[in-house]
N, C-alpha and C. Protein backbone atom coordinates (compact mmCIF):
# COMPACT_ATOMS: atom_id res chain seq x y z
N UNK A 1 -12.02 -33.41 -1.69
CA UNK A 1 -11.26 -32.43 -1.34
C UNK A 1 -11.31 -31.79 -0.41
N UNK A 2 -10.53 -31.24 0.57
CA UNK A 2 -10.62 -30.31 1.72
C UNK A 2 -11.40 -29.07 1.54
N UNK A 3 -11.85 -28.67 2.50
CA UNK A 3 -12.44 -27.17 2.80
C UNK A 3 -11.37 -26.16 3.10
N UNK A 4 -11.63 -25.13 2.63
CA UNK A 4 -10.44 -24.23 2.95
C UNK A 4 -10.61 -23.55 4.30
N UNK A 5 -9.28 -23.53 5.03
CA UNK A 5 -8.89 -23.02 6.12
C UNK A 5 -9.46 -21.39 6.34
N UNK A 6 -10.65 -21.14 7.20
CA UNK A 6 -11.07 -19.65 7.18
C UNK A 6 -10.72 -19.32 8.95
N UNK A 7 -9.90 -18.31 8.95
CA UNK A 7 -10.08 -17.65 10.52
C UNK A 7 -10.59 -16.43 10.22
N UNK A 8 -11.20 -16.53 11.37
CA UNK A 8 -11.89 -14.94 11.99
C UNK A 8 -11.06 -14.31 12.99
N UNK A 9 -10.61 -13.07 12.46
CA UNK A 9 -9.82 -12.21 13.49
C UNK A 9 -10.63 -11.27 14.31
N UNK A 10 -10.06 -11.10 15.38
CA UNK A 10 -10.84 -10.07 16.49
C UNK A 10 -10.70 -8.54 15.85
N UNK A 11 -11.77 -7.73 16.07
CA UNK A 11 -11.36 -6.29 15.71
C UNK A 11 -10.06 -5.50 16.32
N UNK A 12 -9.84 -5.99 17.33
CA UNK A 12 -8.69 -5.68 18.11
C UNK A 12 -7.29 -5.98 17.03
N UNK A 13 -7.43 -7.21 16.85
CA UNK A 13 -5.87 -8.09 15.97
C UNK A 13 -6.13 -6.92 14.72
N UNK A 14 -7.22 -6.91 13.96
CA UNK A 14 -7.49 -6.16 12.77
C UNK A 14 -6.36 -4.46 12.85
N UNK A 15 -7.00 -4.08 14.04
CA UNK A 15 -6.74 -2.87 14.33
C UNK A 15 -5.28 -2.52 14.69
N UNK A 16 -4.46 -3.65 15.45
CA UNK A 16 -3.39 -3.43 15.44
C UNK A 16 -2.55 -3.67 14.54
N UNK A 17 -3.10 -4.81 13.58
CA UNK A 17 -2.54 -5.16 12.29
C UNK A 17 -2.42 -3.63 11.74
N UNK A 18 -3.27 -2.94 11.69
CA UNK A 18 -3.01 -1.61 10.63
C UNK A 18 -2.59 -0.84 11.32
N UNK A 19 -2.40 -0.55 12.61
CA UNK A 19 -1.60 0.53 13.14
C UNK A 19 -0.17 0.22 12.96
N UNK A 20 0.31 -1.42 12.92
CA UNK A 20 1.72 -1.57 12.51
C UNK A 20 2.07 -1.41 11.14
N UNK A 21 1.30 -1.76 10.33
CA UNK A 21 1.59 -1.26 8.66
C UNK A 21 1.25 0.07 8.52
N UNK A 22 0.74 0.89 9.32
CA UNK A 22 0.59 2.12 9.21
C UNK A 22 2.04 2.71 9.19
N UNK A 23 3.16 2.28 9.99
CA UNK A 23 4.41 2.82 10.57
C UNK A 23 5.16 3.03 8.95
N UNK A 24 5.60 4.25 8.68
CA UNK A 24 6.37 4.18 7.35
C UNK A 24 7.52 3.50 7.25
N UNK A 25 8.40 3.09 8.40
CA UNK A 25 9.65 2.67 7.89
C UNK A 25 9.17 1.20 8.16
N UNK A 26 8.05 0.60 7.97
CA UNK A 26 8.19 -0.98 8.08
C UNK A 26 7.08 -1.10 6.61
N UNK A 27 7.30 -2.15 5.89
CA UNK A 27 6.45 -2.56 4.63
C UNK A 27 5.10 -3.02 5.15
N UNK A 28 3.94 -3.28 4.54
CA UNK A 28 3.19 -4.04 4.66
C UNK A 28 3.05 -5.33 4.56
N UNK A 29 3.92 -6.01 3.77
CA UNK A 29 4.25 -7.29 3.12
C UNK A 29 5.02 -7.82 4.36
N UNK A 30 6.25 -6.99 5.09
CA UNK A 30 6.58 -7.77 6.21
C UNK A 30 5.74 -7.82 7.35
N UNK A 31 4.94 -6.83 7.54
CA UNK A 31 3.87 -6.91 8.63
C UNK A 31 2.78 -8.14 8.37
N UNK A 32 2.23 -8.40 7.10
CA UNK A 32 1.89 -9.43 7.12
C UNK A 32 2.32 -10.65 7.12
N UNK A 33 3.42 -10.98 6.65
CA UNK A 33 4.68 -11.95 6.93
C UNK A 33 4.60 -12.23 8.27
N UNK A 34 4.87 -11.49 9.08
CA UNK A 34 4.71 -11.47 10.40
C UNK A 34 3.72 -12.16 11.37
N UNK A 35 2.67 -11.52 10.98
CA UNK A 35 1.33 -11.94 11.36
C UNK A 35 0.88 -12.89 11.01
N UNK A 36 1.13 -13.31 9.59
CA UNK A 36 1.04 -14.64 9.06
C UNK A 36 -0.58 -14.47 8.25
N UNK A 37 -0.60 -13.68 7.84
CA UNK A 37 -1.80 -13.22 7.12
C UNK A 37 -1.24 -12.70 5.65
N UNK A 38 -2.39 -12.67 4.88
CA UNK A 38 -1.99 -12.14 3.05
C UNK A 38 -2.06 -11.04 3.18
N UNK A 39 -0.87 -10.24 2.40
CA UNK A 39 -1.09 -8.93 2.48
C UNK A 39 -1.86 -8.24 2.10
N UNK A 40 -2.91 -8.49 1.10
CA UNK A 40 -4.07 -8.22 0.77
C UNK A 40 -5.22 -8.15 1.53
N UNK A 41 -5.48 -8.86 2.39
CA UNK A 41 -6.08 -8.80 3.49
C UNK A 41 -5.91 -7.72 4.52
N UNK A 42 -4.40 -7.51 4.91
CA UNK A 42 -3.92 -6.43 5.51
C UNK A 42 -4.13 -4.76 4.79
N UNK A 43 -4.15 -5.15 3.55
CA UNK A 43 -4.46 -3.90 2.85
C UNK A 43 -5.75 -3.61 3.06
N UNK A 44 -6.80 -4.42 2.63
CA UNK A 44 -8.19 -4.24 2.82
C UNK A 44 -8.76 -3.93 4.16
N UNK A 45 -8.14 -4.62 5.14
CA UNK A 45 -8.11 -3.97 6.65
C UNK A 45 -7.50 -2.37 6.73
N UNK A 46 -6.81 -1.94 6.00
CA UNK A 46 -6.20 -0.63 6.14
C UNK A 46 -7.66 0.33 5.28
N UNK A 47 -7.94 -0.15 4.30
CA UNK A 47 -8.88 0.35 3.74
C UNK A 47 -10.16 0.74 4.57
N UNK A 48 -10.57 -0.42 5.15
CA UNK A 48 -11.99 -0.28 5.71
C UNK A 48 -11.69 0.37 7.13
N UNK A 49 -10.49 0.44 7.50
CA UNK A 49 -10.33 1.53 8.70
C UNK A 49 -10.37 2.77 8.13
N UNK A 50 -9.76 3.39 7.03
CA UNK A 50 -9.85 4.63 6.56
C UNK A 50 -11.15 5.00 5.99
N UNK A 51 -11.81 4.02 5.69
CA UNK A 51 -13.46 4.41 5.37
C UNK A 51 -14.46 4.22 6.60
N UNK A 52 -13.76 3.91 7.70
CA UNK A 52 -14.49 3.78 8.91
C UNK A 52 -15.48 2.87 9.33
N UNK A 53 -15.31 1.60 8.29
CA UNK A 53 -15.82 0.53 8.32
C UNK A 53 -15.50 -0.43 9.23
N UNK A 54 -13.98 -0.69 9.83
CA UNK A 54 -13.56 -1.13 10.65
C UNK A 54 -13.34 -0.32 11.95
N UNK A 55 -14.78 -0.61 12.68
CA UNK A 55 -14.89 0.25 14.22
C UNK A 55 -15.70 -0.47 15.08
N UNK A 56 -15.50 -0.13 15.94
CA UNK A 56 -16.29 -1.02 17.04
C UNK A 56 -15.86 -0.30 18.54
N UNK A 57 -16.60 -1.14 19.66
CA UNK A 57 -16.30 -0.64 21.06
C UNK A 57 -14.77 -0.43 21.22
N UNK A 58 -13.90 -1.24 20.78
CA UNK A 58 -12.51 -1.59 21.14
C UNK A 58 -11.89 -0.66 20.33
N UNK A 59 -12.40 0.29 19.59
CA UNK A 59 -11.51 1.26 18.52
C UNK A 59 -10.24 1.85 19.25
N UNK A 60 -9.06 1.53 18.58
CA UNK A 60 -7.83 2.18 19.18
C UNK A 60 -7.91 3.69 18.90
N UNK A 61 -7.38 4.13 19.71
CA UNK A 61 -6.92 5.60 19.64
C UNK A 61 -5.58 6.03 20.35
N UNK A 62 -4.96 6.45 19.46
CA UNK A 62 -3.68 6.70 20.05
C UNK A 62 -3.35 8.15 19.98
N UNK A 63 -2.87 8.82 21.37
CA UNK A 63 -2.70 10.32 21.11
C UNK A 63 -1.48 10.93 20.25
N UNK A 64 -1.68 11.54 19.88
CA UNK A 64 -0.18 12.20 18.54
C UNK A 64 0.56 12.27 19.56
N UNK A 65 0.49 12.79 20.89
CA UNK A 65 1.91 12.94 21.55
C UNK A 65 2.89 11.58 21.91
N UNK A 66 1.76 10.62 21.92
CA UNK A 66 2.67 9.14 22.04
C UNK A 66 2.97 8.79 21.01
N UNK A 67 2.48 8.99 19.82
CA UNK A 67 3.29 8.55 18.54
C UNK A 67 4.36 9.42 18.30
N UNK A 68 4.53 10.51 18.74
CA UNK A 68 5.57 11.62 18.52
C UNK A 68 6.88 11.04 19.26
N UNK A 69 6.37 10.58 20.58
CA UNK A 69 7.42 10.15 21.35
C UNK A 69 7.85 8.77 20.57
N UNK A 70 7.27 7.97 20.29
CA UNK A 70 7.54 6.56 19.94
C UNK A 70 8.17 6.70 18.82
N UNK A 71 7.99 7.57 17.66
CA UNK A 71 8.82 7.90 16.25
C UNK A 71 10.39 8.57 17.22
N UNK A 72 10.32 9.22 17.88
CA UNK A 72 11.68 9.59 18.52
C UNK A 72 12.40 8.44 18.99
N UNK A 73 11.70 7.55 19.88
CA UNK A 73 12.54 6.53 20.38
C UNK A 73 12.80 5.42 19.04
N UNK A 74 11.96 5.18 18.28
CA UNK A 74 12.18 4.26 17.28
C UNK A 74 13.60 5.02 16.39
N UNK A 75 13.67 6.29 16.26
CA UNK A 75 14.86 6.77 15.70
C UNK A 75 16.31 6.63 16.48
N UNK A 76 15.99 7.04 17.48
CA UNK A 76 17.00 6.95 18.71
C UNK A 76 17.36 5.06 18.64
N UNK A 77 16.74 4.45 18.75
CA UNK A 77 16.84 2.91 18.53
C UNK A 77 17.51 2.45 17.15
N UNK A 78 17.12 3.25 15.95
CA UNK A 78 17.80 2.88 14.82
C UNK A 78 19.43 3.34 14.87
N UNK A 79 19.25 4.59 15.25
CA UNK A 79 20.67 5.19 15.33
C UNK A 79 21.86 4.17 16.24
N UNK A 80 21.13 3.64 17.34
CA UNK A 80 21.97 2.85 18.31
C UNK A 80 22.46 1.42 17.39
N UNK A 81 21.21 0.99 16.55
CA UNK A 81 21.31 -0.18 16.16
C UNK A 81 22.40 0.02 14.72
N UNK A 82 22.48 0.90 14.38
CA UNK A 82 23.43 1.33 13.06
C UNK A 82 24.65 1.27 13.71
N UNK A 83 25.00 1.92 15.09
CA UNK A 83 26.45 2.11 15.48
C UNK A 83 26.76 0.87 15.94
N UNK A 84 25.81 -0.14 16.63
CA UNK A 84 26.16 -1.47 16.61
C UNK A 84 26.87 -2.16 15.70
N UNK A 85 25.80 -2.28 14.54
CA UNK A 85 26.39 -2.93 13.58
C UNK A 85 27.60 -2.53 12.82
N UNK A 86 27.88 -1.22 12.88
CA UNK A 86 29.23 -0.93 12.26
C UNK A 86 30.27 -1.38 13.29
N UNK A 87 30.28 -1.26 14.60
CA UNK A 87 31.03 -1.68 15.65
C UNK A 87 31.43 -3.15 15.62
N UNK A 88 30.39 -3.79 15.24
CA UNK A 88 30.59 -5.34 15.10
C UNK A 88 31.18 -5.70 13.77
N UNK A 89 30.94 -5.06 12.96
CA UNK A 89 31.59 -5.27 11.69
C UNK A 89 33.21 -5.04 11.69
N UNK A 90 33.37 -3.60 12.49
CA UNK A 90 34.93 -3.73 12.89
C UNK A 90 35.66 -4.65 13.77
N UNK A 91 34.91 -4.98 14.67
CA UNK A 91 35.23 -6.30 15.36
C UNK A 91 35.49 -7.49 14.72
N UNK A 92 34.65 -7.79 13.60
CA UNK A 92 34.75 -9.25 12.51
C UNK A 92 35.96 -8.98 11.82
N UNK A 93 36.31 -7.87 11.46
CA UNK A 93 37.37 -7.52 10.72
C UNK A 93 38.92 -7.49 11.31
N UNK A 94 38.73 -7.05 12.52
CA UNK A 94 39.92 -6.97 13.59
C UNK A 94 40.21 -8.67 13.54
N UNK A 95 39.10 -9.55 13.97
CA UNK A 95 39.25 -10.88 14.59
C UNK A 95 39.87 -11.48 12.95
N UNK A 96 39.50 -11.33 11.94
CA UNK A 96 39.92 -11.87 10.48
C UNK A 96 41.42 -11.42 10.68
N UNK A 97 42.10 -10.13 10.80
CA UNK A 97 43.20 -9.49 10.70
C UNK A 97 43.84 -10.49 11.70
N UNK A 98 43.52 -10.66 12.80
CA UNK A 98 44.45 -11.50 13.97
C UNK A 98 44.43 -12.93 13.41
N UNK A 99 43.29 -13.43 13.13
CA UNK A 99 43.74 -15.19 12.62
C UNK A 99 44.44 -14.96 11.39
N UNK A 100 44.28 -14.28 10.37
CA UNK A 100 45.40 -14.10 9.31
C UNK A 100 46.69 -13.55 9.98
N UNK A 101 47.37 -12.59 10.95
CA UNK A 101 48.61 -12.79 11.29
C UNK A 101 49.12 -13.82 12.15
N UNK A 102 47.93 -14.69 12.81
CA UNK A 102 48.53 -15.84 13.41
C UNK A 102 48.98 -16.73 12.34
N UNK A 103 48.01 -16.91 11.24
CA UNK A 103 48.57 -17.93 10.16
C UNK A 103 49.87 -17.81 9.76
N UNK A 104 50.14 -16.45 9.48
CA UNK A 104 51.61 -16.15 8.93
C UNK A 104 52.59 -16.45 9.52
N UNK A 105 52.61 -16.31 11.18
CA UNK A 105 53.47 -16.38 11.79
C UNK A 105 53.66 -17.94 12.18
N UNK A 106 52.68 -18.46 12.16
CA UNK A 106 52.59 -20.04 12.59
C UNK A 106 53.59 -20.99 11.18
N UNK A 107 53.66 -20.12 10.37
CA UNK A 107 53.99 -21.04 8.68
C UNK A 107 55.66 -21.06 8.74
């Protein structure tokens, strides 16, 4: 029987993961999946951070103003993404329309 794989993560990695998982628009499961860790581990790190057990020399502190600016930028990018997705759908519909029209004229 093989031994289980055990990975040790740096304090900085854990703090960054918790920071990403704390964003209101990003689910914890998605962050855990992207980072290749189990969601329970990420939840545990969040609890440790909250209980001040996940601290050290390289504790990450981000000024509130930077977070506000980042959230504004995220909101702007989400609006732009939504507009581009709508534009893409319109173009797809137009392409289907033109293709259908060409097929009917060829018959």
